[in-house]
PDB file of N, CA and C in Angstrom:
ATOM      1  N   MET A   1      -4.399  78.402-104.957  1.00  0.00           N
ATOM      2  CA  MET A   1      -5.845  78.666-105.843  1.00  0.00           C
ATOM      3  C   MET A   1      -6.104  79.788-106.216  1.00  0.00           C
ATOM      4  N   ASP A   2      -5.662  80.965-105.742  1.00  0.00           N
ATOM      5  CA  ASP A   2      -6.111  82.410-106.182  1.00  0.00           C
ATOM      6  C   ASP A   2      -5.386  82.406-107.422  1.00  0.00           C
ATOM      7  N   ASP A   3      -4.370  81.940-107.563  1.00  0.00           N
ATOM      8  CA  ASP A   3      -3.468  82.271-108.803  1.00  0.00           C
ATOM      9  C   ASP A   3      -3.797  81.216-109.676  1.00  0.00           C
ATOM     10  N   ALA A   4      -4.680  80.152-109.647  1.00  0.00           N
ATOM     11  CA  ALA A   4      -5.430  79.581-110.519  1.00  0.00           C
ATOM     12  C   ALA A   4      -6.646  80.177-111.058  1.00  0.00           C
ATOM     13  N   ARG A   5      -7.417  80.827-109.941  1.00  0.00           N
ATOM     14  CA  ARG A   5      -8.464  81.596-109.989  1.00  0.00           C
ATOM     15  C   ARG A   5      -8.286  82.805-111.157  1.00  0.00           C
ATOM     16  N   TRP A   6      -7.287  83.260-110.677  1.00  0.00           N
ATOM     17  CA  TRP A   6      -6.608  84.768-111.508  1.00  0.00           C
ATOM     18  C   TRP A   6      -6.536  84.139-112.972  1.00  0.00           C
ATOM     19  N   TRP A   7      -5.914  82.992-113.581  1.00  0.00           N
ATOM     20  CA  TRP A   7      -5.357  82.740-114.512  1.00  0.00           C
ATOM     21  C   TRP A   7      -6.649  82.335-115.244  1.00  0.00           C
ATOM     22  N   ALA A   8      -7.562  81.577-114.971  1.00  0.00           N
ATOM     23  CA  ALA A   8      -8.682  80.924-115.353  1.00  0.00           C
ATOM     24  C   ALA A   8      -9.480  82.124-115.846  1.00  0.00           C
ATOM     25  N   SER A   9      -9.457  83.310-114.906  1.00  0.00           N
ATOM     26  CA  SER A   9     -10.353  84.718-115.432  1.00  0.00           C
ATOM     27  C   SER A   9      -9.994  84.955-116.957  1.00  0.00           C
ATOM     28  N   PHE A  10      -8.639  84.920-117.107  1.00  0.00           N
ATOM     29  CA  PHE A  10      -7.982  85.660-118.390  1.00  0.00           C
ATOM     30  C   PHE A  10      -8.400  84.523-119.643  1.00  0.00           C
ATOM     31  N   ALA A  11      -7.950  83.442-119.037  1.00  0.00           N
ATOM     32  CA  ALA A  11      -7.805  81.894-120.427  1.00  0.00           C
ATOM     33  C   ALA A  11      -9.196  82.000-121.120  1.00  0.00           C
ATOM     34  N   SER A  12      -9.372  81.714-122.156  1.00  0.00           N
ATOM     35  CA  SER A  12     -10.497  81.188-123.113  1.00  0.00           C
ATOM     36  C   SER A  12     -11.115  80.197-122.404  1.00  0.00           C
ATOM     37  N   LEU A  13     -12.176  79.959-123.138  1.00  0.00           N
ATOM     38  CA  LEU A  13     -13.402  79.053-122.503  1.00  0.00           C
ATOM     39  C   LEU A  13     -12.572  77.501-122.902  1.00  0.00           C
ATOM     40  N   LYS A  14     -12.019  77.689-124.593  1.00  0.00           N
ATOM     41  CA  LYS A  14     -11.013  76.244-124.892  1.00  0.00           C
ATOM     42  C   LYS A  14      -9.791  75.561-123.887  1.00  0.00           C
ATOM     43  N   GLU A  15      -9.414  76.799-123.453  1.00  0.00           N
ATOM     44  CA  GLU A  15      -8.030  76.567-122.963  1.00  0.00           C
ATOM     45  C   GLU A  15      -8.360  75.879-121.367  1.00  0.00           C
ATOM     46  N   ARG A  16      -9.538  76.850-120.712  1.00  0.00           N
ATOM     47  CA  ARG A  16      -9.802  76.171-119.306  1.00  0.00           C
ATOM     48  C   ARG A  16     -10.219  75.002-119.383  1.00  0.00           C
ATOM     49  N   LYS A  17     -10.971  74.381-120.704  1.00  0.00           N
ATOM     50  CA  LYS A  17     -11.450  72.716-120.945  1.00  0.00           C
ATOM     51  C   LYS A  17     -10.070  72.340-120.893  1.00  0.00           C
ATOM     52  N   ALA A  18      -8.924  72.639-121.969  1.00  0.00           N
ATOM     53  CA  ALA A  18      -8.045  71.892-121.737  1.00  0.00           C
ATOM     54  C   ALA A  18      -7.335  71.661-120.760  1.00  0.00           C
ATOM     55  N   TYR A  19      -6.883  72.222-120.037  1.00  0.00           N
ATOM     56  CA  TYR A  19      -6.106  72.823-118.419  1.00  0.00           C
ATOM     57  C   TYR A  19      -7.066  71.651-117.563  1.00  0.00           C
ATOM     58  N   ALA A  20      -8.502  71.749-117.310  1.00  0.00           N
ATOM     59  CA  ALA A  20      -8.986  71.091-116.665  1.00  0.00           C
ATOM     60  C   ALA A  20      -8.864  69.822-116.872  1.00  0.00           C
ATOM     61  N   LEU A  21      -9.268  69.479-118.115  1.00  0.00           N
ATOM     62  CA  LEU A  21      -9.029  67.980-118.844  1.00  0.00           C
ATOM     63  C   LEU A  21      -7.617  67.012-118.363  1.00  0.00           C
ATOM     64  N   ALA A  22      -6.654  68.098-118.548  1.00  0.00           N
ATOM     65  CA  ALA A  22      -5.214  67.718-118.379  1.00  0.00           C
ATOM     66  C   ALA A  22      -4.946  67.432-116.940  1.00  0.00           C
ATOM     67  N   ALA A  23      -5.438  68.358-116.077  1.00  0.00           N
ATOM     68  CA  ALA A  23      -5.340  68.285-115.043  1.00  0.00           C
ATOM     69  C   ALA A  23      -5.566  67.098-114.024  1.00  0.00           C
ATOM     70  N   TYR A  24      -6.774  67.015-114.520  1.00  0.00           N
ATOM     71  CA  TYR A  24      -8.109  66.081-114.000  1.00  0.00           C
ATOM     72  C   TYR A  24      -7.088  64.653-114.336  1.00  0.00           C
ATOM     73  N   GLU A  25      -7.021  64.295-115.818  1.00  0.00           N
ATOM     74  CA  GLU A  25      -5.827  63.207-116.128  1.00  0.00           C
ATOM     75  C   GLU A  25      -5.025  63.126-115.632  1.00  0.00           C
ATOM     76  N   ALA A  26      -3.889  63.962-115.145  1.00  0.00           N
ATOM     77  CA  ALA A  26      -2.964  63.834-114.128  1.00  0.00           C
ATOM     78  C   ALA A  26      -2.590  63.629-112.847  1.00  0.00           C
ATOM     79  N   LEU A  27      -3.853  63.599-112.153  1.00  0.00           N
ATOM     80  CA  LEU A  27      -4.434  63.124-110.636  1.00  0.00           C
ATOM     81  C   LEU A  27      -4.076  61.373-110.620  1.00  0.00           C
ATOM     82  N   PRO A  28      -3.827  60.813-109.317  1.00  0.00           N
ATOM     83  CA  PRO A  28      -3.825  59.356-109.268  1.00  0.00           C
ATOM     84  C   PRO A  28      -5.443  59.298-109.469  1.00  0.00           C
ATOM     85  N   GLU A  29      -5.659  58.246-109.340  1.00  0.00           N
ATOM     86  CA  GLU A  29      -6.873  57.392-109.572  1.00  0.00           C
ATOM     87  C   GLU A  29      -7.414  57.572-108.592  1.00  0.00           C
ATOM     88  N   ARG A  30      -7.117  57.503-107.309  1.00  0.00           N
ATOM     89  CA  ARG A  30      -7.748  57.800-106.081  1.00  0.00           C
ATOM     90  C   ARG A  30      -8.420  59.342-105.937  1.00  0.00           C
ATOM     91  N   ASP A  31      -7.684  60.076-106.185  1.00  0.00           N
ATOM     92  CA  ASP A  31      -7.863  61.768-106.384  1.00  0.00           C
ATOM     93  C   ASP A  31      -8.701  61.951-107.681  1.00  0.00           C
ATOM     94  N   GLN A  32      -9.023  61.173-108.750  1.00  0.00           N
ATOM     95  CA  GLN A  32     -10.028  61.516-109.697  1.00  0.00           C
ATOM     96  C   GLN A  32     -11.232  61.105-109.049  1.00  0.00           C
ATOM     97  N   MET A  33     -11.203  59.722-108.345  1.00  0.00           N
ATOM     98  CA  MET A  33     -12.228  59.102-107.810  1.00  0.00           C
ATOM     99  C   MET A  33     -13.292  60.228-106.918  1.00  0.00           C
ATOM    100  N   ALA A  34     -12.184  60.913-106.066  1.00  0.00           N
ATOM    101  CA  ALA A  34     -12.723  61.684-104.869  1.00  0.00           C
ATOM    102  C   ALA A  34     -13.283  63.210-105.896  1.00  0.00           C
ATOM    103  N   PHE A  35     -12.385  63.373-107.012  1.00  0.00           N
ATOM    104  CA  PHE A  35     -13.088  64.771-107.383  1.00  0.00           C
ATOM    105  C   PHE A  35     -13.918  64.133-107.895  1.00  0.00           C
ATOM    106  N   ARG A  36     -14.651  63.113-108.590  1.00  0.00           N
ATOM    107  CA  ARG A  36     -16.137  62.977-109.165  1.00  0.00           C
ATOM    108  C   ARG A  36     -17.002  62.938-108.122  1.00  0.00           C
ATOM    109  N   LYS A  37     -16.675  62.338-106.769  1.00  0.00           N
ATOM    110  CA  LYS A  37     -17.729  62.363-105.837  1.00  0.00           C
ATOM    111  C   LYS A  37     -17.929  63.455-105.202  1.00  0.00           C
ATOM    112  N   HIS A  38     -16.902  64.613-105.511  1.00  0.00           N
ATOM    113  CA  HIS A  38     -17.238  65.983-105.090  1.00  0.00           C
ATOM    114  C   HIS A  38     -18.152  66.795-106.011  1.00  0.00           C
ATOM    115  N   ILE A  39     -17.861  66.408-106.992  1.00  0.00           N
ATOM    116  CA  ILE A  39     -18.889  66.871-108.459  1.00  0.00           C
ATOM    117  C   ILE A  39     -19.927  66.726-108.267  1.00  0.00           C
ATOM    118  N   SER A  40     -20.452  65.219-108.258  1.00  0.00           N
ATOM    119  CA  SER A  40     -21.782  64.722-107.650  1.00  0.00           C
ATOM    120  C   SER A  40     -22.329  65.307-106.780  1.00  0.00           C
ATOM    121  N   GLU A  41     -21.732  65.462-105.678  1.00  0.00           N
ATOM    122  CA  GLU A  41     -22.441  65.772-104.449  1.00  0.00           C
ATOM    123  C   GLU A  41     -22.704  67.337-104.428  1.00  0.00           C
ATOM    124  N   VAL A  42     -21.717  68.280-104.897  1.00  0.00           N
ATOM    125  CA  VAL A  42     -22.238  69.568-105.786  1.00  0.00           C
ATOM    126  C   VAL A  42     -23.756  69.652-106.330  1.00  0.00           C
ATOM    127  N   GLU A  43     -23.274  68.812-107.537  1.00  0.00           N
ATOM    128  CA  GLU A  43     -24.644  68.738-108.454  1.00  0.00           C
ATOM    129  C   GLU A  43     -25.950  68.581-107.594  1.00  0.00           C
ATOM    130  N   ILE A  44     -25.598  67.648-106.691  1.00  0.00           N
ATOM    131  CA  ILE A  44     -26.859  67.030-105.914  1.00  0.00           C
ATOM    132  C   ILE A  44     -27.556  68.095-104.921  1.00  0.00           C
ATOM    133  N   ALA A  45     -26.626  68.840-104.472  1.00  0.00           N
ATOM    134  CA  ALA A  45     -26.567  70.067-103.711  1.00  0.00           C
ATOM    135  C   ALA A  45     -27.207  71.534-104.460  1.00  0.00           C
ATOM    136  N   ALA A  46     -27.116  71.550-105.673  1.00  0.00           N
ATOM    137  CA  ALA A  46     -27.542  72.768-106.711  1.00  0.00           C
ATOM    138  C   ALA A  46     -29.103  72.253-106.822  1.00  0.00           C
TER     139      ALA A  46
END
């Protein structure tokens, strides 16, 4: 996670979006669902 955050701090917004989508699409469906649930819970808490 530290390496990923380090890379993200130098990447352009376009790069971060592309890698985020590619990484999400590479996840198994079950992990995609868990990620969407996590994001929804974070939005509700904010």
